[in-house]
């Protein structure tokens, strides 16, 4: 018998293919009888809503990541509460576009620790609620001239910044018990297939 409940995070640097991949994973799992709850990227949601750490009327990076963290925690709690109300035999997956440790990539270790303390959280246990982290490497790192930000209006990093952010994101999740890395490919469908295979293996889907 496979896994009935799972909490999976897709993360990575800008232009890693997360948005497209998440849509394909959702479709695949639903076709296999899973109820999929999507948890969209909190930072993008805030930026598109007018709360941003850059440009006119910007807030500090610390204050922005504080909002990201609290929105992330709130949405995760609501999703878990909803799952608890579903029939016990429901096969259910939370599919999250980034998770709580992603804030560390933007703040650095020192400020992230300060943020965690500010919210009365325990840094040693953060991220443990996720069953698997899938880090999708940005094309900026591995495929020349493939990087662009056209798929997400909230993205503003150039290729060099994207590469640096990808590394910092990987470092932020490096201690997770089940971290998987998906490298860039010339064809996005290959990358998506690799993600789906890893999820199938974890869920016990043949």
N, C-alpha and C. Protein backbone atom coordinates (compact mmCIF):
# COMPACT_ATOMS: atom_id res chain seq x y z
N UNK A 1 0.85 -1.20 0.00
CA UNK A 1 0.00 0.00 0.00
C UNK A 1 0.87 1.23 0.00
N UNK A 2 0.55 2.21 -0.85
CA UNK A 2 1.35 3.42 -0.95
C UNK A 2 1.00 4.44 0.13
N UNK A 3 1.64 5.59 0.03
CA UNK A 3 1.42 6.69 0.97
C UNK A 3 0.08 7.35 0.67
N UNK A 4 -0.76 7.56 1.71
CA UNK A 4 -2.07 8.18 1.52
C UNK A 4 -2.03 9.70 1.67
N UNK A 5 -1.15 10.21 2.52
CA UNK A 5 -1.07 11.64 2.78
C UNK A 5 0.37 12.10 2.60
N UNK A 6 0.58 13.22 1.92
CA UNK A 6 1.94 13.73 1.72
C UNK A 6 1.93 15.24 1.60
N UNK A 7 3.00 15.84 2.09
CA UNK A 7 3.18 17.29 2.03
C UNK A 7 4.50 17.53 1.29
N UNK A 8 4.41 17.97 0.05
CA UNK A 8 5.57 18.06 -0.84
C UNK A 8 5.82 19.51 -1.26
N UNK A 9 7.06 19.94 -1.17
CA UNK A 9 7.45 21.29 -1.56
C UNK A 9 8.29 21.25 -2.83
N UNK A 10 7.96 22.10 -3.80
CA UNK A 10 8.83 22.34 -4.95
C UNK A 10 9.49 23.69 -4.77
N UNK A 11 10.80 23.71 -4.84
CA UNK A 11 11.54 24.94 -4.65
C UNK A 11 12.64 25.03 -5.69
N UNK A 12 13.47 26.05 -5.59
CA UNK A 12 14.56 26.24 -6.55
C UNK A 12 14.73 27.71 -6.89
N UNK A 13 15.71 27.99 -7.73
CA UNK A 13 15.95 29.36 -8.14
C UNK A 13 14.92 29.84 -9.14
N UNK A 14 14.95 31.14 -9.47
CA UNK A 14 14.03 31.68 -10.48
C UNK A 14 14.20 30.97 -11.82
N UNK A 15 13.12 30.81 -12.55
CA UNK A 15 13.11 30.18 -13.87
C UNK A 15 13.58 28.73 -13.79
N UNK A 16 13.04 28.02 -12.81
CA UNK A 16 13.36 26.60 -12.66
C UNK A 16 12.27 25.72 -13.25
N UNK A 17 11.13 26.32 -13.59
CA UNK A 17 10.03 25.55 -14.16
C UNK A 17 9.01 25.08 -13.14
N UNK A 18 9.01 25.68 -11.94
CA UNK A 18 8.12 25.21 -10.89
C UNK A 18 6.64 25.33 -11.25
N UNK A 19 6.25 26.48 -11.78
CA UNK A 19 4.84 26.72 -12.06
C UNK A 19 4.28 25.71 -13.05
N UNK A 20 5.00 25.50 -14.15
CA UNK A 20 4.58 24.52 -15.15
C UNK A 20 4.57 23.12 -14.57
N UNK A 21 5.59 22.79 -13.81
CA UNK A 21 5.71 21.45 -13.23
C UNK A 21 4.58 21.17 -12.25
N UNK A 22 4.28 22.13 -11.40
CA UNK A 22 3.22 21.94 -10.41
C UNK A 22 1.88 21.64 -11.09
N UNK A 23 1.59 22.35 -12.16
CA UNK A 23 0.34 22.10 -12.89
C UNK A 23 0.30 20.68 -13.45
N UNK A 24 1.43 20.23 -13.99
CA UNK A 24 1.50 18.87 -14.56
C UNK A 24 1.43 17.80 -13.47
N UNK A 25 2.08 18.04 -12.35
CA UNK A 25 2.05 17.09 -11.24
C UNK A 25 0.62 16.97 -10.71
N UNK A 26 -0.04 18.10 -10.55
CA UNK A 26 -1.43 18.09 -10.08
C UNK A 26 -2.31 17.25 -11.00
N UNK A 27 -2.19 17.48 -12.29
CA UNK A 27 -2.98 16.72 -13.26
C UNK A 27 -2.68 15.22 -13.17
N UNK A 28 -1.40 14.88 -13.07
CA UNK A 28 -1.01 13.48 -13.00
C UNK A 28 -1.56 12.80 -11.75
N UNK A 29 -1.44 13.45 -10.60
CA UNK A 29 -1.89 12.84 -9.35
C UNK A 29 -3.40 12.72 -9.30
N UNK A 30 -4.09 13.73 -9.81
CA UNK A 30 -5.55 13.66 -9.82
C UNK A 30 -6.04 12.52 -10.72
N UNK A 31 -5.33 12.29 -11.81
CA UNK A 31 -5.68 11.18 -12.69
C UNK A 31 -5.46 9.82 -12.01
N UNK A 32 -4.67 9.83 -10.93
CA UNK A 32 -4.39 8.60 -10.19
C UNK A 32 -5.16 8.53 -8.88
N UNK A 33 -6.16 9.38 -8.76
CA UNK A 33 -7.07 9.28 -7.61
C UNK A 33 -6.68 10.09 -6.39
N UNK A 34 -5.69 10.97 -6.50
CA UNK A 34 -5.30 11.81 -5.37
C UNK A 34 -6.07 13.13 -5.36
N UNK A 35 -6.39 13.58 -4.18
CA UNK A 35 -6.93 14.93 -4.01
C UNK A 35 -5.74 15.85 -3.77
N UNK A 36 -5.52 16.82 -4.65
CA UNK A 36 -4.34 17.68 -4.57
C UNK A 36 -4.73 19.08 -4.11
N UNK A 37 -4.08 19.56 -3.07
CA UNK A 37 -4.26 20.92 -2.59
C UNK A 37 -3.03 21.73 -2.96
N UNK A 38 -3.21 22.76 -3.76
CA UNK A 38 -2.10 23.60 -4.18
C UNK A 38 -1.90 24.75 -3.21
N UNK A 39 -0.65 24.92 -2.78
CA UNK A 39 -0.30 26.05 -1.93
C UNK A 39 0.63 26.96 -2.75
N UNK A 40 0.05 28.03 -3.31
CA UNK A 40 0.80 28.89 -4.21
C UNK A 40 1.88 29.68 -3.48
N UNK A 41 2.87 30.14 -4.23
CA UNK A 41 4.01 30.84 -3.65
C UNK A 41 3.57 32.11 -2.94
N UNK A 42 3.86 32.19 -1.65
CA UNK A 42 3.41 33.31 -0.83
C UNK A 42 4.07 34.63 -1.23
N UNK A 43 5.35 34.58 -1.57
CA UNK A 43 6.05 35.82 -1.94
C UNK A 43 5.43 36.44 -3.19
N UNK A 44 5.15 35.63 -4.20
CA UNK A 44 4.52 36.13 -5.42
C UNK A 44 3.14 36.70 -5.12
N UNK A 45 2.39 36.02 -4.26
CA UNK A 45 1.06 36.49 -3.88
C UNK A 45 1.14 37.88 -3.24
N UNK A 46 2.10 38.07 -2.35
CA UNK A 46 2.26 39.36 -1.68
C UNK A 46 2.72 40.45 -2.65
N UNK A 47 3.70 40.11 -3.49
CA UNK A 47 4.22 41.09 -4.45
C UNK A 47 3.13 41.54 -5.41
N UNK A 48 2.37 40.59 -5.94
CA UNK A 48 1.28 40.94 -6.85
C UNK A 48 0.18 41.72 -6.15
N UNK A 49 0.10 41.58 -4.81
CA UNK A 49 -0.88 42.33 -4.03
C UNK A 49 -0.40 43.70 -3.60
N UNK A 50 0.84 44.05 -3.94
CA UNK A 50 1.34 45.39 -3.64
C UNK A 50 2.30 45.47 -2.47
N UNK A 51 2.62 44.33 -1.85
CA UNK A 51 3.59 44.31 -0.75
C UNK A 51 4.89 43.76 -1.30
N UNK A 52 5.92 44.61 -1.37
CA UNK A 52 7.16 44.17 -2.03
C UNK A 52 8.40 44.78 -1.36
N UNK A 53 9.53 44.08 -1.47
CA UNK A 53 10.77 44.57 -0.86
C UNK A 53 11.64 45.35 -1.84
N UNK A 54 11.07 45.86 -2.89
CA UNK A 54 11.82 46.60 -3.91
C UNK A 54 10.91 47.63 -4.55
N UNK A 55 11.51 48.60 -5.22
CA UNK A 55 10.74 49.61 -5.94
C UNK A 55 10.12 50.65 -5.02
N UNK A 56 9.14 51.35 -5.57
CA UNK A 56 8.46 52.41 -4.82
C UNK A 56 7.63 51.83 -3.70
N UNK A 57 7.63 52.50 -2.54
CA UNK A 57 6.88 52.07 -1.36
C UNK A 57 7.28 50.67 -0.89
N UNK A 58 8.57 50.38 -1.01
CA UNK A 58 9.07 49.06 -0.60
C UNK A 58 9.15 48.96 0.92
N UNK A 59 8.99 47.74 1.43
CA UNK A 59 9.26 47.44 2.83
C UNK A 59 10.64 46.78 2.90
N UNK A 60 11.19 46.66 4.08
CA UNK A 60 12.50 46.02 4.22
C UNK A 60 12.39 44.53 3.88
N UNK A 61 13.51 43.93 3.51
CA UNK A 61 13.51 42.50 3.20
C UNK A 61 13.08 41.70 4.42
N UNK A 62 13.52 42.13 5.61
CA UNK A 62 13.14 41.44 6.84
C UNK A 62 11.63 41.48 7.03
N UNK A 63 11.03 42.67 6.88
CA UNK A 63 9.59 42.80 7.07
C UNK A 63 8.82 42.02 6.01
N UNK A 64 9.35 42.02 4.79
CA UNK A 64 8.69 41.28 3.72
C UNK A 64 8.72 39.78 4.01
N UNK A 65 9.88 39.26 4.39
CA UNK A 65 9.98 37.83 4.69
C UNK A 65 9.19 37.46 5.94
N UNK A 66 8.99 38.39 6.83
CA UNK A 66 8.12 38.13 7.98
C UNK A 66 6.68 37.91 7.51
N UNK A 67 6.25 38.72 6.55
CA UNK A 67 4.91 38.53 5.99
C UNK A 67 4.81 37.21 5.23
N UNK A 68 5.86 36.88 4.48
CA UNK A 68 5.89 35.62 3.74
C UNK A 68 5.78 34.44 4.72
N UNK A 69 6.58 34.47 5.77
CA UNK A 69 6.59 33.37 6.73
C UNK A 69 5.23 33.20 7.40
N UNK A 70 4.64 34.30 7.81
CA UNK A 70 3.35 34.20 8.51
C UNK A 70 2.22 33.77 7.59
N UNK A 71 2.26 34.23 6.34
CA UNK A 71 1.26 33.78 5.37
C UNK A 71 1.44 32.29 5.08
N UNK A 72 2.69 31.86 4.95
CA UNK A 72 2.99 30.44 4.70
C UNK A 72 2.46 29.57 5.84
N UNK A 73 2.77 29.96 7.06
CA UNK A 73 2.34 29.18 8.22
C UNK A 73 0.82 29.15 8.34
N UNK A 74 0.18 30.27 8.06
CA UNK A 74 -1.28 30.34 8.14
C UNK A 74 -1.92 29.41 7.10
N UNK A 75 -1.45 29.51 5.86
CA UNK A 75 -2.05 28.69 4.81
C UNK A 75 -1.80 27.20 5.06
N UNK A 76 -0.61 26.86 5.51
CA UNK A 76 -0.31 25.45 5.79
C UNK A 76 -1.23 24.91 6.88
N UNK A 77 -1.46 25.71 7.92
CA UNK A 77 -2.35 25.27 9.00
C UNK A 77 -3.77 25.05 8.48
N UNK A 78 -4.25 25.98 7.65
CA UNK A 78 -5.60 25.84 7.12
C UNK A 78 -5.71 24.59 6.25
N UNK A 79 -4.68 24.33 5.44
CA UNK A 79 -4.72 23.16 4.57
C UNK A 79 -4.73 21.86 5.37
N UNK A 80 -3.91 21.81 6.42
CA UNK A 80 -3.88 20.61 7.26
C UNK A 80 -5.20 20.43 8.00
N UNK A 81 -5.81 21.53 8.41
CA UNK A 81 -7.11 21.44 9.08
C UNK A 81 -8.17 20.88 8.12
N UNK A 82 -8.12 21.33 6.87
CA UNK A 82 -9.07 20.83 5.87
C UNK A 82 -8.86 19.34 5.63
N UNK A 83 -7.60 18.92 5.52
CA UNK A 83 -7.31 17.50 5.29
C UNK A 83 -7.85 16.64 6.43
N UNK A 84 -7.76 17.15 7.64
CA UNK A 84 -8.24 16.39 8.80
C UNK A 84 -9.75 16.17 8.76
N UNK A 85 -10.45 16.96 7.97
CA UNK A 85 -11.91 16.84 7.86
C UNK A 85 -12.34 15.93 6.70
N UNK A 86 -11.39 15.53 5.88
CA UNK A 86 -11.71 14.64 4.76
C UNK A 86 -11.80 13.19 5.25
N UNK A 87 -12.48 12.33 4.52
CA UNK A 87 -12.52 10.91 4.91
C UNK A 87 -11.11 10.35 5.08
N UNK A 88 -10.94 9.50 6.07
CA UNK A 88 -9.61 9.00 6.42
C UNK A 88 -8.91 8.31 5.25
N UNK A 89 -9.68 7.66 4.38
CA UNK A 89 -9.09 6.91 3.28
C UNK A 89 -8.74 7.79 2.07
N UNK A 90 -9.01 9.10 2.14
CA UNK A 90 -8.71 10.00 1.02
C UNK A 90 -7.21 10.07 0.76
N UNK A 91 -6.83 9.83 -0.47
CA UNK A 91 -5.42 10.01 -0.86
C UNK A 91 -5.22 11.49 -1.17
N UNK A 92 -4.38 12.12 -0.38
CA UNK A 92 -4.29 13.58 -0.43
C UNK A 92 -2.84 14.06 -0.43
N UNK A 93 -2.55 15.03 -1.31
CA UNK A 93 -1.22 15.61 -1.38
C UNK A 93 -1.31 17.14 -1.32
N UNK A 94 -0.56 17.73 -0.40
CA UNK A 94 -0.36 19.19 -0.44
C UNK A 94 0.86 19.43 -1.31
N UNK A 95 0.69 20.22 -2.35
CA UNK A 95 1.76 20.54 -3.28
C UNK A 95 2.06 22.03 -3.13
N UNK A 96 3.20 22.34 -2.53
CA UNK A 96 3.51 23.73 -2.19
C UNK A 96 4.59 24.31 -3.10
N UNK A 97 4.33 25.50 -3.61
CA UNK A 97 5.32 26.26 -4.36
C UNK A 97 6.15 27.05 -3.35
N UNK A 98 7.26 26.48 -2.95
CA UNK A 98 8.16 26.95 -1.90
C UNK A 98 7.60 26.64 -0.52
N UNK A 99 8.53 26.62 0.45
CA UNK A 99 8.17 26.31 1.83
C UNK A 99 8.85 27.25 2.80
N UNK A 100 8.72 26.96 4.06
CA UNK A 100 9.10 27.89 5.12
C UNK A 100 10.59 28.23 5.11
N UNK A 101 11.45 27.30 4.71
CA UNK A 101 12.88 27.56 4.75
C UNK A 101 13.37 28.43 3.59
N UNK A 102 12.53 28.67 2.60
CA UNK A 102 12.95 29.52 1.49
C UNK A 102 13.30 30.94 1.93
N UNK A 103 12.69 31.39 3.01
CA UNK A 103 13.00 32.74 3.52
C UNK A 103 14.48 32.88 3.88
N UNK A 104 15.09 31.78 4.28
CA UNK A 104 16.51 31.81 4.66
C UNK A 104 17.38 32.17 3.47
N UNK A 105 16.97 31.76 2.27
CA UNK A 105 17.75 32.06 1.07
C UNK A 105 17.80 33.57 0.81
N UNK A 106 16.75 34.27 1.18
CA UNK A 106 16.67 35.71 0.92
C UNK A 106 17.24 36.54 2.06
N UNK A 107 17.21 36.00 3.28
CA UNK A 107 17.67 36.75 4.44
C UNK A 107 19.10 36.45 4.86
N UNK A 108 19.57 35.23 4.60
CA UNK A 108 20.83 34.78 5.16
C UNK A 108 20.60 34.19 6.54
N UNK A 109 21.58 33.46 7.03
CA UNK A 109 21.41 32.70 8.28
C UNK A 109 21.12 33.58 9.48
N UNK A 110 21.85 34.68 9.61
CA UNK A 110 21.72 35.52 10.81
C UNK A 110 20.35 36.17 10.90
N UNK A 111 19.91 36.80 9.82
CA UNK A 111 18.61 37.46 9.84
C UNK A 111 17.47 36.45 9.90
N UNK A 112 17.67 35.27 9.29
CA UNK A 112 16.64 34.25 9.36
C UNK A 112 16.45 33.79 10.80
N UNK A 113 17.55 33.58 11.51
CA UNK A 113 17.47 33.20 12.92
C UNK A 113 16.73 34.27 13.73
N UNK A 114 17.02 35.53 13.40
CA UNK A 114 16.33 36.64 14.07
C UNK A 114 14.83 36.61 13.77
N UNK A 115 14.48 36.31 12.52
CA UNK A 115 13.07 36.24 12.13
C UNK A 115 12.36 35.11 12.86
N UNK A 116 13.02 33.97 12.95
CA UNK A 116 12.43 32.82 13.64
C UNK A 116 12.17 33.15 15.11
N UNK A 117 13.14 33.78 15.75
CA UNK A 117 12.97 34.17 17.15
C UNK A 117 11.86 35.21 17.30
N UNK A 118 11.80 36.13 16.36
CA UNK A 118 10.77 37.18 16.37
C UNK A 118 9.37 36.58 16.37
N UNK A 119 9.22 35.43 15.70
CA UNK A 119 7.93 34.76 15.62
C UNK A 119 7.77 33.62 16.62
N UNK A 120 8.70 33.55 17.58
CA UNK A 120 8.64 32.54 18.65
C UNK A 120 8.56 31.11 18.10
N UNK A 121 9.38 30.86 17.06
CA UNK A 121 9.43 29.54 16.45
C UNK A 121 10.73 28.85 16.82
N UNK A 122 10.81 27.56 16.55
CA UNK A 122 12.00 26.76 16.82
C UNK A 122 12.66 26.42 15.50
N UNK A 123 13.81 27.01 15.23
CA UNK A 123 14.46 26.82 13.94
C UNK A 123 14.84 25.36 13.69
N UNK A 124 15.13 24.62 14.74
CA UNK A 124 15.56 23.23 14.58
C UNK A 124 14.45 22.32 14.06
N UNK A 125 13.20 22.75 14.23
CA UNK A 125 12.08 21.92 13.79
C UNK A 125 11.41 22.45 12.53
N UNK A 126 11.78 23.64 12.07
CA UNK A 126 11.16 24.21 10.89
C UNK A 126 11.43 23.35 9.66
N UNK A 127 10.41 23.10 8.89
CA UNK A 127 10.54 22.31 7.68
C UNK A 127 10.33 20.83 7.89
N UNK A 128 10.30 20.37 9.15
CA UNK A 128 10.15 18.94 9.41
C UNK A 128 8.77 18.40 9.02
N UNK A 129 7.80 19.31 8.90
CA UNK A 129 6.45 18.86 8.56
C UNK A 129 6.31 18.47 7.09
N UNK A 130 7.31 18.85 6.28
CA UNK A 130 7.27 18.48 4.86
C UNK A 130 7.85 17.08 4.68
N UNK A 131 7.17 16.28 3.88
CA UNK A 131 7.64 14.92 3.65
C UNK A 131 8.76 14.85 2.62
N UNK A 132 8.74 15.77 1.67
CA UNK A 132 9.78 15.77 0.64
C UNK A 132 9.96 17.18 0.08
N UNK A 133 11.22 17.53 -0.15
CA UNK A 133 11.57 18.80 -0.79
C UNK A 133 12.20 18.47 -2.14
N UNK A 134 11.65 19.06 -3.20
CA UNK A 134 12.20 18.87 -4.54
C UNK A 134 12.79 20.20 -4.99
N UNK A 135 14.11 20.23 -5.08
CA UNK A 135 14.80 21.45 -5.53
C UNK A 135 15.02 21.37 -7.03
N UNK A 136 14.34 22.26 -7.75
CA UNK A 136 14.49 22.32 -9.20
C UNK A 136 15.52 23.39 -9.54
N UNK A 137 16.64 22.96 -10.11
CA UNK A 137 17.75 23.88 -10.39
C UNK A 137 17.36 24.82 -11.53
N UNK A 138 17.63 26.12 -11.35
CA UNK A 138 17.32 27.11 -12.38
C UNK A 138 18.12 26.86 -13.65
N UNK A 139 17.51 27.16 -14.79
CA UNK A 139 18.22 27.00 -16.06
C UNK A 139 19.39 27.97 -16.15
N UNK A 140 19.36 29.04 -15.38
CA UNK A 140 20.45 30.01 -15.40
C UNK A 140 21.77 29.37 -14.97
N UNK A 141 21.68 28.34 -14.13
CA UNK A 141 22.87 27.66 -13.62
C UNK A 141 23.46 26.70 -14.64
N UNK A 142 22.60 26.04 -15.42
CA UNK A 142 23.06 24.90 -16.21
C UNK A 142 22.87 25.01 -17.73
N UNK A 143 22.02 25.91 -18.19
CA UNK A 143 21.78 26.01 -19.63
C UNK A 143 21.92 27.47 -20.07
N UNK A 144 22.94 27.75 -20.83
CA UNK A 144 23.25 29.12 -21.25
C UNK A 144 22.13 29.69 -22.13
N UNK A 145 21.81 30.97 -21.89
CA UNK A 145 20.84 31.74 -22.69
C UNK A 145 19.40 31.25 -22.59
N UNK A 146 19.10 30.41 -21.61
CA UNK A 146 17.73 29.93 -21.44
C UNK A 146 16.96 30.72 -20.37
N UNK A 147 17.67 31.52 -19.59
CA UNK A 147 17.04 32.19 -18.45
C UNK A 147 16.22 33.38 -18.89
N UNK A 148 14.98 33.47 -18.38
CA UNK A 148 14.16 34.68 -18.54
C UNK A 148 13.12 34.71 -17.43
N UNK A 149 12.53 35.86 -17.20
CA UNK A 149 11.56 36.02 -16.11
C UNK A 149 10.15 36.27 -16.63
N UNK A 150 9.89 35.96 -17.88
CA UNK A 150 8.61 36.31 -18.50
C UNK A 150 7.43 35.53 -17.92
N UNK A 151 7.69 34.38 -17.29
CA UNK A 151 6.59 33.56 -16.78
C UNK A 151 6.09 34.02 -15.42
N UNK A 152 6.77 34.98 -14.79
CA UNK A 152 6.37 35.44 -13.47
C UNK A 152 6.68 36.93 -13.34
N UNK A 153 5.64 37.76 -13.33
CA UNK A 153 5.83 39.20 -13.27
C UNK A 153 6.40 39.68 -11.95
N UNK A 154 6.40 38.82 -10.93
CA UNK A 154 6.94 39.18 -9.63
C UNK A 154 8.45 38.91 -9.54
N UNK A 155 9.02 38.34 -10.60
CA UNK A 155 10.44 38.03 -10.62
C UNK A 155 11.22 39.18 -11.25
N UNK A 156 12.37 39.51 -10.63
CA UNK A 156 13.15 40.64 -11.12
C UNK A 156 14.65 40.35 -11.16
N UNK A 157 15.09 39.14 -10.78
CA UNK A 157 16.50 38.82 -10.69
C UNK A 157 17.11 38.62 -12.09
N UNK A 158 18.36 39.09 -12.28
CA UNK A 158 19.05 38.76 -13.52
C UNK A 158 19.66 37.37 -13.39
N UNK A 159 20.32 36.88 -14.45
CA UNK A 159 20.81 35.50 -14.46
C UNK A 159 21.81 35.25 -13.33
N UNK A 160 22.71 36.18 -13.10
CA UNK A 160 23.72 36.00 -12.05
C UNK A 160 23.06 35.93 -10.68
N UNK A 161 22.08 36.79 -10.45
CA UNK A 161 21.36 36.77 -9.18
C UNK A 161 20.56 35.49 -9.03
N UNK A 162 20.00 35.00 -10.15
CA UNK A 162 19.24 33.76 -10.10
C UNK A 162 20.11 32.57 -9.70
N UNK A 163 21.33 32.53 -10.23
CA UNK A 163 22.27 31.46 -9.90
C UNK A 163 22.63 31.50 -8.42
N UNK A 164 22.89 32.70 -7.92
CA UNK A 164 23.23 32.86 -6.51
C UNK A 164 22.05 32.47 -5.62
N UNK A 165 20.86 32.88 -6.01
CA UNK A 165 19.67 32.56 -5.22
C UNK A 165 19.39 31.06 -5.24
N UNK A 166 19.64 30.42 -6.37
CA UNK A 166 19.46 28.98 -6.47
C UNK A 166 20.35 28.25 -5.46
N UNK A 167 21.60 28.68 -5.36
CA UNK A 167 22.53 28.05 -4.43
C UNK A 167 22.10 28.30 -2.98
N UNK A 168 21.68 29.53 -2.70
CA UNK A 168 21.26 29.85 -1.33
C UNK A 168 19.98 29.08 -0.96
N UNK A 169 19.12 28.86 -1.93
CA UNK A 169 17.91 28.08 -1.68
C UNK A 169 18.27 26.63 -1.38
N UNK A 170 19.18 26.08 -2.16
CA UNK A 170 19.64 24.72 -1.92
C UNK A 170 20.26 24.58 -0.54
N UNK A 171 21.08 25.56 -0.16
CA UNK A 171 21.72 25.54 1.16
C UNK A 171 20.69 25.63 2.28
N UNK A 172 19.62 26.40 2.05
CA UNK A 172 18.60 26.58 3.09
C UNK A 172 17.90 25.26 3.43
N UNK A 173 17.81 24.37 2.44
CA UNK A 173 17.10 23.10 2.63
C UNK A 173 18.03 21.91 2.81
N UNK A 174 19.32 22.14 2.87
CA UNK A 174 20.29 21.04 2.80
C UNK A 174 20.16 20.02 3.93
N UNK A 175 19.59 20.42 5.06
CA UNK A 175 19.48 19.49 6.19
C UNK A 175 18.16 18.72 6.22
N UNK A 176 17.31 18.94 5.22
CA UNK A 176 16.04 18.22 5.23
C UNK A 176 16.28 16.73 5.00
N UNK A 177 15.47 15.91 5.67
CA UNK A 177 15.65 14.46 5.65
C UNK A 177 15.38 13.83 4.29
N UNK A 178 14.64 14.54 3.42
CA UNK A 178 14.27 13.95 2.13
C UNK A 178 14.32 15.03 1.04
N UNK A 179 15.53 15.50 0.77
CA UNK A 179 15.76 16.53 -0.25
C UNK A 179 16.17 15.87 -1.56
N UNK A 180 15.45 16.19 -2.63
CA UNK A 180 15.77 15.68 -3.96
C UNK A 180 16.13 16.87 -4.86
N UNK A 181 17.11 16.67 -5.73
CA UNK A 181 17.55 17.72 -6.65
C UNK A 181 17.26 17.30 -8.08
N UNK A 182 16.57 18.17 -8.81
CA UNK A 182 16.25 17.93 -10.21
C UNK A 182 17.02 18.94 -11.06
N UNK A 183 17.92 18.46 -11.88
CA UNK A 183 18.75 19.35 -12.69
C UNK A 183 18.01 19.82 -13.94
N UNK A 184 18.46 20.94 -14.48
CA UNK A 184 17.84 21.52 -15.67
C UNK A 184 18.07 20.62 -16.88
N UNK A 185 17.11 20.65 -17.80
CA UNK A 185 17.22 19.91 -19.05
C UNK A 185 16.88 20.86 -20.20
N UNK A 186 17.32 20.51 -21.39
CA UNK A 186 17.00 21.35 -22.56
C UNK A 186 15.50 21.39 -22.83
N UNK A 187 14.83 20.30 -22.52
CA UNK A 187 13.39 20.21 -22.74
C UNK A 187 12.70 20.13 -21.39
N UNK A 188 11.80 21.08 -21.10
CA UNK A 188 11.15 21.15 -19.80
C UNK A 188 10.37 19.89 -19.48
N UNK A 189 9.81 19.24 -20.52
CA UNK A 189 9.04 18.01 -20.28
C UNK A 189 9.88 16.92 -19.62
N UNK A 190 11.15 16.86 -19.94
CA UNK A 190 12.04 15.88 -19.32
C UNK A 190 12.20 16.17 -17.83
N UNK A 191 12.33 17.45 -17.51
CA UNK A 191 12.47 17.86 -16.11
C UNK A 191 11.20 17.53 -15.33
N UNK A 192 10.06 17.79 -15.95
CA UNK A 192 8.78 17.49 -15.31
C UNK A 192 8.64 15.99 -15.09
N UNK A 193 9.01 15.19 -16.07
CA UNK A 193 8.94 13.73 -15.93
C UNK A 193 9.81 13.25 -14.78
N UNK A 194 10.97 13.88 -14.60
CA UNK A 194 11.86 13.50 -13.50
C UNK A 194 11.23 13.82 -12.15
N UNK A 195 10.55 14.95 -12.06
CA UNK A 195 9.86 15.31 -10.83
C UNK A 195 8.73 14.33 -10.54
N UNK A 196 7.93 14.04 -11.55
CA UNK A 196 6.81 13.12 -11.39
C UNK A 196 7.29 11.73 -10.95
N UNK A 197 8.39 11.27 -11.52
CA UNK A 197 8.93 9.96 -11.14
C UNK A 197 9.32 9.93 -9.66
N UNK A 198 9.98 10.99 -9.19
CA UNK A 198 10.39 11.05 -7.79
C UNK A 198 9.17 11.03 -6.87
N UNK A 199 8.13 11.76 -7.26
CA UNK A 199 6.91 11.79 -6.45
C UNK A 199 6.22 10.42 -6.49
N UNK A 200 6.17 9.80 -7.64
CA UNK A 200 5.60 8.45 -7.75
C UNK A 200 6.34 7.48 -6.84
N UNK A 201 7.67 7.55 -6.87
CA UNK A 201 8.46 6.65 -6.03
C UNK A 201 8.14 6.84 -4.55
N UNK A 202 8.00 8.09 -4.13
CA UNK A 202 7.69 8.35 -2.72
C UNK A 202 6.30 7.87 -2.34
N UNK A 203 5.33 8.12 -3.23
CA UNK A 203 3.94 7.75 -2.92
C UNK A 203 3.66 6.27 -3.12
N UNK A 204 4.60 5.56 -3.78
CA UNK A 204 4.39 4.14 -4.03
C UNK A 204 3.49 3.87 -5.21
N UNK A 205 3.53 4.80 -6.20
CA UNK A 205 2.73 4.63 -7.41
C UNK A 205 3.54 3.84 -8.41
N UNK A 206 2.99 2.76 -8.93
CA UNK A 206 3.68 1.94 -9.91
C UNK A 206 3.49 2.46 -11.33
